[in-house]
């Protein structure tokens, strides 16, 4: 379950667009979320089949938001929820095809 996805987060501040990138090493995932003009990194997540779970702190520029994300990848589509102290954010994404160099 590696790769990058264009995402839309449904937040109390309205939709926020961005990108999430996963690296999967034997069921342990790490990566980054780029949104709201900032990059936040996560590590020690887990994947099993087409499901994933990870936690981190999202830097919004104004404050740091602790979250736990759980989701599923079906083909090129990603769907997840991020549980925070400010509610549950829905996340939708589409995989970005790998470019050929």
N, C-alpha and C. Protein backbone atom coordinates (compact mmCIF):
# COMPACT_ATOMS: atom_id res chain seq x y z
N UNK A 1 0.84 -1.18 0.00
CA UNK A 1 0.00 0.00 0.00
C UNK A 1 0.89 1.25 0.00
N UNK A 2 1.67 1.45 -0.99
CA UNK A 2 2.46 2.66 -1.07
C UNK A 2 1.87 3.61 -2.10
N UNK A 3 2.40 4.80 -2.17
CA UNK A 3 1.99 5.74 -3.19
C UNK A 3 1.49 7.05 -2.63
N UNK A 4 1.09 7.93 -3.54
CA UNK A 4 0.60 9.25 -3.19
C UNK A 4 -0.84 9.42 -3.66
N UNK A 5 -1.61 10.17 -2.89
CA UNK A 5 -3.02 10.40 -3.19
C UNK A 5 -3.34 11.88 -3.06
N UNK A 6 -4.10 12.41 -4.02
CA UNK A 6 -4.69 13.74 -3.87
C UNK A 6 -5.87 13.57 -2.94
N UNK A 7 -5.93 14.38 -1.89
CA UNK A 7 -7.00 14.19 -0.90
C UNK A 7 -7.80 15.47 -0.68
N UNK A 8 -9.00 15.26 -0.15
CA UNK A 8 -9.85 16.34 0.33
C UNK A 8 -10.28 15.98 1.74
N UNK A 9 -9.95 16.84 2.71
CA UNK A 9 -10.36 16.65 4.09
C UNK A 9 -11.60 17.48 4.33
N UNK A 10 -12.64 16.88 4.89
CA UNK A 10 -13.86 17.61 5.25
C UNK A 10 -13.71 18.04 6.71
N UNK A 11 -13.39 19.31 6.95
CA UNK A 11 -13.13 19.82 8.30
C UNK A 11 -14.20 20.84 8.69
N UNK A 12 -14.26 21.19 9.99
CA UNK A 12 -15.20 22.24 10.41
C UNK A 12 -14.92 23.59 9.74
N UNK A 13 -13.69 23.77 9.21
CA UNK A 13 -13.33 25.00 8.52
C UNK A 13 -13.63 24.91 7.03
N UNK A 14 -14.32 23.84 6.61
CA UNK A 14 -14.59 23.62 5.20
C UNK A 14 -13.61 22.63 4.61
N UNK A 15 -13.81 22.26 3.33
CA UNK A 15 -12.91 21.29 2.69
C UNK A 15 -11.49 21.85 2.56
N UNK A 16 -10.53 20.99 2.83
CA UNK A 16 -9.11 21.33 2.67
C UNK A 16 -8.49 20.31 1.73
N UNK A 17 -7.90 20.78 0.65
CA UNK A 17 -7.26 19.88 -0.32
C UNK A 17 -5.80 19.68 0.03
N UNK A 18 -5.26 18.55 -0.39
CA UNK A 18 -3.86 18.28 -0.13
C UNK A 18 -3.41 16.98 -0.74
N UNK A 19 -2.37 16.39 -0.15
CA UNK A 19 -1.80 15.16 -0.65
C UNK A 19 -1.31 14.33 0.53
N UNK A 20 -1.49 13.02 0.42
CA UNK A 20 -0.95 12.09 1.42
C UNK A 20 -0.05 11.10 0.67
N UNK A 21 1.09 10.80 1.28
CA UNK A 21 2.04 9.86 0.69
C UNK A 21 2.33 8.76 1.71
N UNK A 22 2.21 7.50 1.26
CA UNK A 22 2.47 6.35 2.11
C UNK A 22 3.71 5.60 1.64
N UNK A 23 4.47 5.06 2.59
CA UNK A 23 5.48 4.06 2.33
C UNK A 23 5.13 2.88 3.22
N UNK A 24 5.01 1.70 2.64
CA UNK A 24 4.63 0.50 3.38
C UNK A 24 5.80 -0.46 3.37
N UNK A 25 6.31 -0.77 4.55
CA UNK A 25 7.42 -1.73 4.69
C UNK A 25 6.94 -2.89 5.54
N UNK A 26 6.41 -3.92 4.88
CA UNK A 26 5.98 -5.12 5.57
C UNK A 26 4.84 -4.90 6.56
N UNK A 27 3.91 -4.01 6.23
CA UNK A 27 2.78 -3.76 7.10
C UNK A 27 2.95 -2.59 8.04
N UNK A 28 4.14 -1.97 8.04
CA UNK A 28 4.37 -0.76 8.83
C UNK A 28 4.42 0.41 7.86
N UNK A 29 3.51 1.39 8.07
CA UNK A 29 3.46 2.51 7.14
C UNK A 29 3.95 3.80 7.78
N UNK A 30 4.52 4.63 6.94
CA UNK A 30 4.95 5.97 7.32
C UNK A 30 4.67 6.87 6.13
N UNK A 31 4.79 8.17 6.34
CA UNK A 31 4.55 9.07 5.22
C UNK A 31 4.32 10.49 5.66
N UNK A 32 3.60 11.23 4.81
CA UNK A 32 3.36 12.64 5.09
C UNK A 32 2.00 13.07 4.56
N UNK A 33 1.49 14.12 5.19
CA UNK A 33 0.26 14.77 4.74
C UNK A 33 0.62 16.22 4.45
N UNK A 34 0.30 16.67 3.23
CA UNK A 34 0.50 18.07 2.84
C UNK A 34 -0.87 18.71 2.69
N UNK A 35 -1.16 19.66 3.56
CA UNK A 35 -2.43 20.38 3.47
C UNK A 35 -2.32 21.70 4.23
N UNK A 36 -3.15 22.64 3.90
CA UNK A 36 -3.18 23.95 4.56
C UNK A 36 -1.81 24.63 4.53
N UNK A 37 -1.03 24.37 3.48
CA UNK A 37 0.27 25.01 3.33
C UNK A 37 1.37 24.43 4.19
N UNK A 38 1.13 23.29 4.81
CA UNK A 38 2.11 22.68 5.71
C UNK A 38 2.28 21.20 5.40
N UNK A 39 3.38 20.63 5.88
CA UNK A 39 3.64 19.20 5.75
C UNK A 39 3.75 18.62 7.15
N UNK A 40 3.03 17.52 7.40
CA UNK A 40 3.10 16.81 8.68
C UNK A 40 3.46 15.36 8.39
N UNK A 41 4.37 14.81 9.18
CA UNK A 41 4.86 13.45 8.97
C UNK A 41 4.26 12.50 10.00
N UNK A 42 4.11 11.24 9.61
CA UNK A 42 3.67 10.20 10.53
C UNK A 42 4.52 8.96 10.32
N UNK A 43 4.58 8.10 11.35
CA UNK A 43 5.32 6.85 11.26
C UNK A 43 4.68 5.84 12.20
N UNK A 44 5.13 4.59 12.10
CA UNK A 44 4.64 3.50 12.94
C UNK A 44 3.15 3.22 12.76
N UNK A 45 2.63 3.51 11.57
CA UNK A 45 1.27 3.13 11.26
C UNK A 45 1.23 1.65 10.87
N UNK A 46 0.02 1.15 10.65
CA UNK A 46 -0.12 -0.27 10.30
C UNK A 46 -1.02 -0.41 9.08
N UNK A 47 -0.69 -1.40 8.25
CA UNK A 47 -1.57 -1.75 7.14
C UNK A 47 -1.80 -3.25 7.17
N UNK A 48 -2.99 -3.63 6.75
CA UNK A 48 -3.33 -5.05 6.65
C UNK A 48 -4.29 -5.17 5.48
N UNK A 49 -3.85 -5.89 4.43
CA UNK A 49 -4.66 -5.96 3.21
C UNK A 49 -4.80 -4.56 2.62
N UNK A 50 -6.05 -4.11 2.47
CA UNK A 50 -6.26 -2.77 1.90
C UNK A 50 -6.69 -1.76 2.97
N UNK A 51 -6.53 -2.10 4.27
CA UNK A 51 -6.86 -1.16 5.34
C UNK A 51 -5.59 -0.59 5.96
N UNK A 52 -5.72 0.57 6.57
CA UNK A 52 -4.58 1.21 7.22
C UNK A 52 -5.03 1.99 8.44
N UNK A 53 -4.06 2.28 9.30
CA UNK A 53 -4.29 3.08 10.50
C UNK A 53 -2.98 3.75 10.87
N UNK A 54 -3.05 5.04 11.21
CA UNK A 54 -1.87 5.75 11.68
C UNK A 54 -2.30 6.95 12.51
N UNK A 55 -1.36 7.48 13.29
CA UNK A 55 -1.62 8.64 14.14
C UNK A 55 -0.52 9.66 13.93
N UNK A 56 -0.83 10.89 14.25
CA UNK A 56 0.17 11.94 14.14
C UNK A 56 -0.36 13.27 14.63
N UNK A 57 0.37 14.30 14.31
CA UNK A 57 -0.02 15.66 14.65
C UNK A 57 0.01 16.47 13.37
N UNK A 58 -1.15 17.02 13.01
CA UNK A 58 -1.28 17.82 11.79
C UNK A 58 -0.99 19.27 12.12
N UNK A 59 0.01 19.82 11.44
CA UNK A 59 0.35 21.23 11.63
C UNK A 59 -0.52 22.06 10.68
N UNK A 60 -1.45 22.85 11.22
CA UNK A 60 -2.35 23.64 10.39
C UNK A 60 -1.80 25.04 10.12
N UNK A 61 -0.67 25.37 10.72
CA UNK A 61 -0.14 26.72 10.59
C UNK A 61 -0.56 27.58 11.79
N UNK A 62 -1.79 27.40 12.26
CA UNK A 62 -2.29 28.15 13.41
C UNK A 62 -2.17 27.34 14.70
N UNK A 63 -2.34 26.03 14.58
CA UNK A 63 -2.26 25.16 15.75
C UNK A 63 -1.90 23.75 15.29
N UNK A 64 -1.55 22.93 16.28
CA UNK A 64 -1.19 21.53 16.00
C UNK A 64 -2.36 20.66 16.44
N UNK A 65 -2.80 19.77 15.55
CA UNK A 65 -3.99 18.97 15.75
C UNK A 65 -3.64 17.49 15.81
N UNK A 66 -3.79 16.88 16.98
CA UNK A 66 -3.52 15.46 17.15
C UNK A 66 -4.66 14.66 16.52
N UNK A 67 -4.31 13.57 15.81
CA UNK A 67 -5.33 12.77 15.12
C UNK A 67 -4.97 11.30 15.10
N UNK A 68 -5.98 10.48 14.87
CA UNK A 68 -5.82 9.06 14.55
C UNK A 68 -6.64 8.81 13.29
N UNK A 69 -6.00 8.31 12.25
CA UNK A 69 -6.67 8.06 10.97
C UNK A 69 -6.82 6.57 10.73
N UNK A 70 -7.99 6.19 10.21
CA UNK A 70 -8.26 4.80 9.82
C UNK A 70 -8.94 4.85 8.47
N UNK A 71 -8.55 3.92 7.57
CA UNK A 71 -9.16 3.95 6.26
C UNK A 71 -8.92 2.71 5.44
N UNK A 72 -9.34 2.84 4.19
CA UNK A 72 -9.26 1.72 3.25
C UNK A 72 -8.90 2.26 1.87
N UNK A 73 -8.15 1.46 1.12
CA UNK A 73 -7.83 1.77 -0.27
C UNK A 73 -8.50 0.71 -1.13
N UNK A 74 -9.34 1.16 -2.06
CA UNK A 74 -9.99 0.28 -3.03
C UNK A 74 -9.58 0.73 -4.41
N UNK A 75 -8.70 -0.05 -5.07
CA UNK A 75 -8.20 0.35 -6.38
C UNK A 75 -7.40 1.63 -6.24
N UNK A 76 -7.82 2.68 -6.93
CA UNK A 76 -7.12 3.97 -6.86
C UNK A 76 -7.80 4.95 -5.91
N UNK A 77 -8.83 4.50 -5.19
CA UNK A 77 -9.60 5.38 -4.28
C UNK A 77 -9.22 5.12 -2.82
N UNK A 78 -9.12 6.20 -2.06
CA UNK A 78 -8.83 6.15 -0.65
C UNK A 78 -10.00 6.79 0.10
N UNK A 79 -10.45 6.16 1.16
CA UNK A 79 -11.46 6.73 2.05
C UNK A 79 -11.00 6.50 3.47
N UNK A 80 -11.10 7.54 4.32
CA UNK A 80 -10.64 7.41 5.69
C UNK A 80 -11.38 8.40 6.59
N UNK A 81 -11.22 8.20 7.89
CA UNK A 81 -11.68 9.16 8.87
C UNK A 81 -10.50 9.50 9.77
N UNK A 82 -10.42 10.74 10.17
CA UNK A 82 -9.40 11.19 11.12
C UNK A 82 -10.15 11.68 12.36
N UNK A 83 -9.93 11.02 13.48
CA UNK A 83 -10.57 11.39 14.73
C UNK A 83 -9.67 12.38 15.46
N UNK A 84 -10.22 13.55 15.81
CA UNK A 84 -9.47 14.62 16.48
C UNK A 84 -10.27 15.12 17.68
N UNK A 85 -9.67 16.01 18.46
CA UNK A 85 -10.38 16.66 19.56
C UNK A 85 -11.46 17.61 19.04
N UNK A 86 -11.41 17.93 17.75
CA UNK A 86 -12.38 18.86 17.14
C UNK A 86 -13.41 18.13 16.30
N UNK A 87 -13.50 16.82 16.46
CA UNK A 87 -14.47 16.05 15.70
C UNK A 87 -13.80 15.07 14.75
N UNK A 88 -14.63 14.43 13.94
CA UNK A 88 -14.16 13.45 12.98
C UNK A 88 -14.14 14.08 11.59
N UNK A 89 -13.00 14.02 10.93
CA UNK A 89 -12.85 14.56 9.57
C UNK A 89 -12.91 13.40 8.59
N UNK A 90 -13.69 13.52 7.55
CA UNK A 90 -13.73 12.54 6.47
C UNK A 90 -12.63 12.88 5.48
N UNK A 91 -11.97 11.86 4.94
CA UNK A 91 -10.90 12.06 3.96
C UNK A 91 -11.21 11.22 2.74
N UNK A 92 -11.16 11.85 1.57
CA UNK A 92 -11.37 11.16 0.30
C UNK A 92 -10.16 11.43 -0.58
N UNK A 93 -9.71 10.42 -1.31
CA UNK A 93 -8.54 10.62 -2.15
C UNK A 93 -8.54 9.75 -3.39
N UNK A 94 -7.71 10.17 -4.36
CA UNK A 94 -7.48 9.43 -5.60
C UNK A 94 -5.98 9.30 -5.79
N UNK A 95 -5.53 8.09 -6.10
CA UNK A 95 -4.10 7.84 -6.26
C UNK A 95 -3.55 8.64 -7.43
N UNK A 96 -2.35 9.18 -7.22
CA UNK A 96 -1.64 9.90 -8.27
C UNK A 96 -0.77 8.86 -9.01
N UNK A 97 -0.99 8.68 -10.31
CA UNK A 97 -0.19 7.69 -11.04
C UNK A 97 1.30 8.00 -10.95
N UNK A 98 2.11 6.95 -10.85
CA UNK A 98 3.57 7.13 -10.80
C UNK A 98 4.05 7.69 -12.13
N UNK A 99 4.91 8.68 -12.06
CA UNK A 99 5.46 9.24 -13.30
C UNK A 99 6.65 8.40 -13.74
N UNK A 100 6.84 8.33 -15.01
CA UNK A 100 7.95 7.55 -15.57
C UNK A 100 9.12 8.49 -15.82
N UNK A 101 10.30 8.13 -15.28
CA UNK A 101 11.49 8.98 -15.45
C UNK A 101 12.42 8.37 -16.46
